[in-house]
Amino acid sequence: GFRSGQYMASADEIYISVKGKGGHAAIPKEYRNPLMAAAALLVEFGKLTEELKQFNSPTVLAFGKIIGNGATNVIPGEVKIDGTLRCMSEEVRKNLWKKISDISSVVQQMHDGITIEIKIDEGYPSLFNHPVVTTKAKHAAQKYLGEQQVEELDLRMAAEDFAFYSQKIPATFYRIGTGNKSKGITSPVHTPTFDIDEDALQISTGLMA
């Protein structure tokens, strides 16, 4: 599979700490509940996610982990939220870093006794496939495998460290099919049943040659 131009997204990790004051749930005057501020923060980020749909450049802001380790009658002193930001545009990416920080500041001001700390770990950049290099590689693949075996790829919001090369030099990143339904090899990556049809190794080596 090949795709010329923009192909895969950048990937940044977002770590948020919402700090308040813990205490017994039955005595509200003695605590500042970070769970409520964390919930408000996620709601605001949800609104931002809706705004992202208006961008010409595909963008994803998602949160997959929240820990507020209290109990039914125990208010925790801190809530942690982890998420990811995926962008096709480096300009949009940097603008969203600021938006995330600005939203956090506003939510903090709305909740007395709460502090919100944001850490954004800058990850892989977006991956760009150089049109000339990609066209040459695609034609070589068609000659080697036959045109029916070469596909046009869709944009992917996943990320790839090969993007560091593509930001510096003319490069192309292509994909090799490694599954085989007839052999029962159908599980995607990041699953406990992932496997590959090792016959793909011969095809991939031939393509590199």
C-alpha atoms as a PDB file:
ATOM      1  CA  GLY A   1       0.000   0.000   0.000  1.00  0.00           C
ATOM      2  CA  PHE A   2       1.190   3.512  -0.888  1.00  0.00           C
ATOM      3  CA  ARG A   3       0.035   7.073  -0.327  1.00  0.00           C
ATOM      4  CA  SER A   4       1.676  10.178  -1.739  1.00  0.00           C
ATOM      5  CA  GLY A   5       1.857  13.319   0.414  1.00  0.00           C
ATOM      6  CA  GLN A   6       0.578  13.543   3.975  1.00  0.00           C
ATOM      7  CA  TYR A   7       0.009  10.050   5.350  1.00  0.00           C
ATOM      8  CA  MET A   8       0.290   9.637   9.139  1.00  0.00           C
ATOM      9  CA  ALA A   9      -0.234  11.946  12.115  1.00  0.00           C
ATOM     10  CA  SER A  10       2.031  13.416  14.734  1.00  0.00           C
ATOM     11  CA  ALA A  11       1.616  11.939  18.210  1.00  0.00           C
ATOM     12  CA  ASP A  12       1.937  13.823  21.489  1.00  0.00           C
ATOM     13  CA  GLU A  13       1.243  12.401  24.940  1.00  0.00           C
ATOM     14  CA  ILE A  14      -0.750  14.570  27.354  1.00  0.00           C
ATOM     15  CA  TYR A  15      -0.418  14.210  31.125  1.00  0.00           C
ATOM     16  CA  ILE A  16      -2.679  16.274  33.364  1.00  0.00           C
ATOM     17  CA  SER A  17      -2.622  16.544  37.151  1.00  0.00           C
ATOM     18  CA  VAL A  18      -5.663  18.119  38.829  1.00  0.00           C
ATOM     19  CA  LYS A  19      -4.828  18.834  42.463  1.00  0.00           C
ATOM     20  CA  GLY A  20      -7.240  19.801  45.226  1.00  0.00           C
ATOM     21  CA  LYS A  21      -7.602  18.891  48.858  1.00  0.00           C
ATOM     22  CA  GLY A  22      -8.794  15.458  49.929  1.00  0.00           C
ATOM     23  CA  GLY A  23     -11.069  14.704  52.822  1.00  0.00           C
ATOM     24  CA  HIS A  24     -14.159  12.971  54.141  1.00  0.00           C
ATOM     25  CA  ALA A  25     -17.023  13.231  51.661  1.00  0.00           C
ATOM     26  CA  ALA A  26     -19.461  14.069  54.448  1.00  0.00           C
ATOM     27  CA  ILE A  27     -17.598  17.280  55.346  1.00  0.00           C
ATOM     28  CA  PRO A  28     -17.532  19.415  52.155  1.00  0.00           C
ATOM     29  CA  LYS A  29     -16.031  22.480  53.843  1.00  0.00           C
ATOM     30  CA  GLU A  30     -12.856  20.542  54.529  1.00  0.00           C
ATOM     31  CA  TYR A  31     -12.035  19.470  50.984  1.00  0.00           C
ATOM     32  CA  ARG A  32     -11.665  20.779  47.439  1.00  0.00           C
ATOM     33  CA  ASN A  33     -12.791  18.022  45.099  1.00  0.00           C
ATOM     34  CA  PRO A  34     -10.417  17.597  42.128  1.00  0.00           C
ATOM     35  CA  LEU A  35     -12.808  15.091  40.541  1.00  0.00           C
ATOM     36  CA  MET A  36     -15.317  17.829  39.788  1.00  0.00           C
ATOM     37  CA  ALA A  37     -12.659  20.017  38.194  1.00  0.00           C
ATOM     38  CA  ALA A  38     -11.336  17.048  36.206  1.00  0.00           C
ATOM     39  CA  ALA A  39     -14.855  16.311  34.955  1.00  0.00           C
ATOM     40  CA  ALA A  40     -15.324  19.944  33.918  1.00  0.00           C
ATOM     41  CA  LEU A  41     -11.964  19.872  32.155  1.00  0.00           C
ATOM     42  CA  LEU A  42     -12.898  16.786  30.142  1.00  0.00           C
ATOM     43  CA  VAL A  43     -16.208  18.401  29.161  1.00  0.00           C
ATOM     44  CA  GLU A  44     -14.344  21.443  27.843  1.00  0.00           C
ATOM     45  CA  PHE A  45     -11.914  19.240  25.944  1.00  0.00           C
ATOM     46  CA  GLY A  46     -14.952  17.472  24.487  1.00  0.00           C
ATOM     47  CA  LYS A  47     -16.173  20.800  23.138  1.00  0.00           C
ATOM     48  CA  LEU A  48     -12.742  21.405  21.636  1.00  0.00           C
ATOM     49  CA  THR A  49     -12.909  17.997  19.969  1.00  0.00           C
ATOM     50  CA  GLU A  50     -16.129  19.066  18.232  1.00  0.00           C
ATOM     51  CA  GLU A  51     -14.380  22.238  17.014  1.00  0.00           C
ATOM     52  CA  LEU A  52     -11.587  20.142  15.517  1.00  0.00           C
ATOM     53  CA  LYS A  53     -14.047  18.722  12.999  1.00  0.00           C
ATOM     54  CA  GLN A  54     -14.109  22.147  11.338  1.00  0.00           C
ATOM     55  CA  PHE A  55     -10.399  21.989  10.519  1.00  0.00           C
ATOM     56  CA  ASN A  56      -9.357  21.144   6.977  1.00  0.00           C
ATOM     57  CA  SER A  57      -6.617  19.027   8.528  1.00  0.00           C
ATOM     58  CA  PRO A  58      -7.658  15.795  10.333  1.00  0.00           C
ATOM     59  CA  THR A  59      -6.995  16.082  14.074  1.00  0.00           C
ATOM     60  CA  VAL A  60      -7.708  13.889  17.104  1.00  0.00           C
ATOM     61  CA  LEU A  61      -7.702  14.825  20.791  1.00  0.00           C
ATOM     62  CA  ALA A  62      -8.595  11.870  23.011  1.00  0.00           C
ATOM     63  CA  PHE A  63      -8.230  10.868  26.657  1.00  0.00           C
ATOM     64  CA  GLY A  64      -8.016   7.213  27.625  1.00  0.00           C
ATOM     65  CA  LYS A  65      -7.090   7.219  31.289  1.00  0.00           C
ATOM     66  CA  ILE A  66      -8.329   8.970  34.433  1.00  0.00           C
ATOM     67  CA  ILE A  67      -7.384   8.067  37.989  1.00  0.00           C
ATOM     68  CA  GLY A  68      -9.052   9.664  41.029  1.00  0.00           C
ATOM     69  CA  ASN A  69      -8.226   7.103  43.662  1.00  0.00           C
ATOM     70  CA  GLY A  70     -10.703   7.926  46.417  1.00  0.00           C
ATOM     71  CA  ALA A  71     -13.676   5.907  47.640  1.00  0.00           C
ATOM     72  CA  THR A  72     -17.439   6.296  48.125  1.00  0.00           C
ATOM     73  CA  ASN A  73     -16.826   8.571  51.106  1.00  0.00           C
ATOM     74  CA  VAL A  74     -13.245   9.645  50.447  1.00  0.00           C
ATOM     75  CA  ILE A  75     -12.370  12.626  48.262  1.00  0.00           C
ATOM     76  CA  PRO A  76      -8.907  12.208  46.705  1.00  0.00           C
ATOM     77  CA  GLY A  77      -6.375  14.995  46.723  1.00  0.00           C
ATOM     78  CA  GLU A  78      -5.366  14.507  43.089  1.00  0.00           C
ATOM     79  CA  VAL A  79      -6.791  13.263  39.788  1.00  0.00           C
ATOM     80  CA  LYS A  80      -4.593  12.261  36.864  1.00  0.00           C
ATOM     81  CA  ILE A  81      -5.743  12.295  33.247  1.00  0.00           C
ATOM     82  CA  ASP A  82      -3.732  10.903  30.315  1.00  0.00           C
ATOM     83  CA  GLY A  83      -4.451  11.403  26.637  1.00  0.00           C
ATOM     84  CA  THR A  84      -3.096  11.848  23.143  1.00  0.00           C
ATOM     85  CA  LEU A  85      -3.074  14.521  20.454  1.00  0.00           C
ATOM     86  CA  ARG A  86      -2.794  13.498  16.785  1.00  0.00           C
ATOM     87  CA  CYS A  87      -2.359  16.081  14.009  1.00  0.00           C
ATOM     88  CA  MET A  88      -1.611  16.107  10.292  1.00  0.00           C
ATOM     89  CA  SER A  89      -0.583  19.772  10.406  1.00  0.00           C
ATOM     90  CA  GLU A  90       2.367  20.993  12.473  1.00  0.00           C
ATOM     91  CA  GLU A  91       0.760  24.449  12.638  1.00  0.00           C
ATOM     92  CA  VAL A  92      -2.491  23.026  14.041  1.00  0.00           C
ATOM     93  CA  ARG A  93      -0.469  20.900  16.443  1.00  0.00           C
ATOM     94  CA  LYS A  94       1.300  23.856  18.019  1.00  0.00           C
ATOM     95  CA  ASN A  95      -1.920  25.896  18.174  1.00  0.00           C
ATOM     96  CA  LEU A  96      -3.615  23.069  20.051  1.00  0.00           C
ATOM     97  CA  TRP A  97      -0.814  22.864  22.600  1.00  0.00           C
ATOM     98  CA  LYS A  98      -1.706  26.432  23.536  1.00  0.00           C
ATOM     99  CA  LYS A  99      -5.475  25.786  23.458  1.00  0.00           C
ATOM    100  CA  ILE A 100      -5.109  22.839  25.829  1.00  0.00           C
ATOM    101  CA  SER A 101      -3.121  25.006  28.224  1.00  0.00           C
ATOM    102  CA  ASP A 102      -5.582  27.907  27.955  1.00  0.00           C
ATOM    103  CA  ILE A 103      -8.610  25.685  28.631  1.00  0.00           C
ATOM    104  CA  SER A 104      -6.885  24.241  31.684  1.00  0.00           C
ATOM    105  CA  SER A 105      -6.203  27.732  33.045  1.00  0.00           C
ATOM    106  CA  VAL A 106      -9.857  28.741  32.622  1.00  0.00           C
ATOM    107  CA  VAL A 107     -11.135  25.604  34.382  1.00  0.00           C
ATOM    108  CA  GLN A 108      -8.661  26.131  37.204  1.00  0.00           C
ATOM    109  CA  GLN A 109      -9.946  29.678  37.741  1.00  0.00           C
ATOM    110  CA  MET A 110     -13.515  28.363  37.925  1.00  0.00           C
ATOM    111  CA  HIS A 111     -12.699  25.954  40.782  1.00  0.00           C
ATOM    112  CA  ASP A 112     -11.531  27.416  44.077  1.00  0.00           C
ATOM    113  CA  GLY A 113      -8.564  25.637  45.649  1.00  0.00           C
ATOM    114  CA  ILE A 114      -7.759  23.635  42.516  1.00  0.00           C
ATOM    115  CA  THR A 115      -4.524  23.656  40.533  1.00  0.00           C
ATOM    116  CA  ILE A 116      -4.125  22.045  37.111  1.00  0.00           C
ATOM    117  CA  GLU A 117      -0.739  21.075  35.735  1.00  0.00           C
ATOM    118  CA  ILE A 118      -0.278  20.147  32.074  1.00  0.00           C
ATOM    119  CA  LYS A 119       2.620  18.221  30.615  1.00  0.00           C
ATOM    120  CA  ILE A 120       2.733  17.596  26.870  1.00  0.00           C
ATOM    121  CA  ASP A 121       5.426  15.187  25.729  1.00  0.00           C
ATOM    122  CA  GLU A 122       6.225  16.052  22.135  1.00  0.00           C
ATOM    123  CA  GLY A 123       6.285  12.826  20.159  1.00  0.00           C
ATOM    124  CA  TYR A 124       6.682  11.841  16.523  1.00  0.00           C
ATOM    125  CA  PRO A 125       6.021  14.488  13.858  1.00  0.00           C
ATOM    126  CA  SER A 126       3.519  13.909  11.047  1.00  0.00           C
ATOM    127  CA  LEU A 127       4.685  11.647   8.238  1.00  0.00           C
ATOM    128  CA  PHE A 128       4.945  13.054   4.712  1.00  0.00           C
ATOM    129  CA  ASN A 129       5.583  10.825   1.702  1.00  0.00           C
ATOM    130  CA  HIS A 130       7.528  12.630  -1.013  1.00  0.00           C
ATOM    131  CA  PRO A 131       5.469  12.420  -4.242  1.00  0.00           C
ATOM    132  CA  VAL A 132       8.382  11.595  -6.573  1.00  0.00           C
ATOM    133  CA  VAL A 133       9.902   8.937  -4.313  1.00  0.00           C
ATOM    134  CA  THR A 134       6.474   7.442  -3.613  1.00  0.00           C
ATOM    135  CA  THR A 135       5.575   7.251  -7.312  1.00  0.00           C
ATOM    136  CA  LYS A 136       8.863   5.486  -8.124  1.00  0.00           C
ATOM    137  CA  ALA A 137       8.404   2.996  -5.296  1.00  0.00           C
ATOM    138  CA  LYS A 138       4.769   2.361  -6.249  1.00  0.00           C
ATOM    139  CA  HIS A 139       5.678   1.672  -9.878  1.00  0.00           C
ATOM    140  CA  ALA A 140       8.431  -0.712  -8.753  1.00  0.00           C
ATOM    141  CA  ALA A 141       5.943  -2.546  -6.534  1.00  0.00           C
ATOM    142  CA  GLN A 142       3.426  -2.830  -9.374  1.00  0.00           C
ATOM    143  CA  LYS A 143       6.112  -4.250 -11.643  1.00  0.00           C
ATOM    144  CA  TYR A 144       7.226  -6.739  -8.985  1.00  0.00           C
ATOM    145  CA  LEU A 145       3.829  -7.845  -7.615  1.00  0.00           C
ATOM    146  CA  GLY A 146       1.328  -6.845 -10.296  1.00  0.00           C
ATOM    147  CA  GLU A 147      -0.986  -3.836 -10.238  1.00  0.00           C
ATOM    148  CA  GLN A 148      -3.809  -5.733  -8.506  1.00  0.00           C
ATOM    149  CA  GLN A 149      -1.573  -6.311  -5.479  1.00  0.00           C
ATOM    150  CA  VAL A 150      -0.804  -2.618  -4.917  1.00  0.00           C
ATOM    151  CA  GLU A 151      -3.341  -0.405  -3.158  1.00  0.00           C
ATOM    152  CA  GLU A 152      -3.877   3.283  -2.448  1.00  0.00           C
ATOM    153  CA  LEU A 153      -3.817   3.921   1.317  1.00  0.00           C
ATOM    154  CA  ASP A 154      -6.121   6.156   3.330  1.00  0.00           C
ATOM    155  CA  LEU A 155      -4.887   8.755   5.794  1.00  0.00           C
ATOM    156  CA  ARG A 156      -4.029   7.233   9.186  1.00  0.00           C
ATOM    157  CA  MET A 157      -4.182   9.039  12.520  1.00  0.00           C
ATOM    158  CA  ALA A 158      -1.704   6.536  13.911  1.00  0.00           C
ATOM    159  CA  ALA A 159       1.928   7.644  14.153  1.00  0.00           C
ATOM    160  CA  GLU A 160       5.289   6.296  13.033  1.00  0.00           C
ATOM    161  CA  ASP A 161       8.853   7.197  14.024  1.00  0.00           C
ATOM    162  CA  PHE A 162       9.902   6.940  10.364  1.00  0.00           C
ATOM    163  CA  ALA A 163       8.327  10.424  10.178  1.00  0.00           C
ATOM    164  CA  PHE A 164      11.573  11.897  11.535  1.00  0.00           C
ATOM    165  CA  TYR A 165      13.271  10.821   8.295  1.00  0.00           C
ATOM    166  CA  SER A 166      10.437  12.137   6.135  1.00  0.00           C
ATOM    167  CA  GLN A 167      10.724  15.548   7.796  1.00  0.00           C
ATOM    168  CA  LYS A 168      14.388  15.784   6.747  1.00  0.00           C
ATOM    169  CA  ILE A 169      14.782  14.017   3.384  1.00  0.00           C
ATOM    170  CA  PRO A 170      12.628  12.901   0.437  1.00  0.00           C
ATOM    171  CA  ALA A 171      11.244   9.563   1.649  1.00  0.00           C
ATOM    172  CA  THR A 172       8.305   7.205   1.367  1.00  0.00           C
ATOM    173  CA  PHE A 173       6.718   4.893   3.927  1.00  0.00           C
ATOM    174  CA  TYR A 174       4.692   2.017   2.500  1.00  0.00           C
ATOM    175  CA  ARG A 175       2.815  -0.874   4.085  1.00  0.00           C
ATOM    176  CA  ILE A 176       3.156  -4.618   3.644  1.00  0.00           C
ATOM    177  CA  GLY A 177       0.201  -6.955   4.118  1.00  0.00           C
ATOM    178  CA  THR A 178       1.176  -9.630   6.667  1.00  0.00           C
ATOM    179  CA  GLY A 179      -2.183 -11.332   7.298  1.00  0.00           C
ATOM    180  CA  ASN A 180      -3.606 -14.420   5.632  1.00  0.00           C
ATOM    181  CA  LYS A 181      -7.272 -15.364   6.084  1.00  0.00           C
ATOM    182  CA  SER A 182      -6.725 -18.894   4.739  1.00  0.00           C
ATOM    183  CA  LYS A 183      -4.232 -19.508   7.556  1.00  0.00           C
ATOM    184  CA  GLY A 184      -6.390 -17.822  10.206  1.00  0.00           C
ATOM    185  CA  ILE A 185      -3.936 -14.950  10.572  1.00  0.00           C
ATOM    186  CA  THR A 186      -6.325 -12.013  10.896  1.00  0.00           C
ATOM    187  CA  SER A 187      -5.614 -10.246  14.215  1.00  0.00           C
ATOM    188  CA  PRO A 188      -4.425  -6.623  14.115  1.00  0.00           C
ATOM    189  CA  VAL A 189      -1.425  -5.269  16.017  1.00  0.00           C
ATOM    190  CA  HIS A 190      -1.804  -4.424  19.723  1.00  0.00           C
ATOM    191  CA  THR A 191      -3.789  -7.625  20.323  1.00  0.00           C
ATOM    192  CA  PRO A 192      -2.672 -10.785  22.167  1.00  0.00           C
ATOM    193  CA  THR A 193      -3.394 -12.934  19.112  1.00  0.00           C
ATOM    194  CA  PHE A 194      -1.348 -10.900  16.598  1.00  0.00           C
ATOM    195  CA  ASP A 195       0.680 -12.993  14.175  1.00  0.00           C
ATOM    196  CA  ILE A 196       2.084 -12.688  10.655  1.00  0.00           C
ATOM    197  CA  ASP A 197       2.249 -14.927   7.639  1.00  0.00           C
ATOM    198  CA  GLU A 198       6.027 -15.234   7.336  1.00  0.00           C
ATOM    199  CA  ASP A 199       5.734 -15.559   3.560  1.00  0.00           C
ATOM    200  CA  ALA A 200       5.385 -11.770   3.697  1.00  0.00           C
ATOM    201  CA  LEU A 201       9.094 -11.564   4.584  1.00  0.00           C
ATOM    202  CA  GLN A 202      10.022 -12.725   1.104  1.00  0.00           C
ATOM    203  CA  ILE A 203       7.729 -10.147  -0.491  1.00  0.00           C
ATOM    204  CA  SER A 204       9.022  -7.330   1.702  1.00  0.00           C
ATOM    205  CA  THR A 205      12.649  -8.215   1.002  1.00  0.00           C
ATOM    206  CA  GLY A 206      11.952  -8.277  -2.731  1.00  0.00           C
ATOM    207  CA  LEU A 207      10.313  -4.869  -2.542  1.00  0.00           C
ATOM    208  CA  MET A 208      13.305  -3.374  -0.730  1.00  0.00           C
ATOM    209  CA  ALA A 209      15.596  -4.818  -3.398  1.00  0.00           C
END
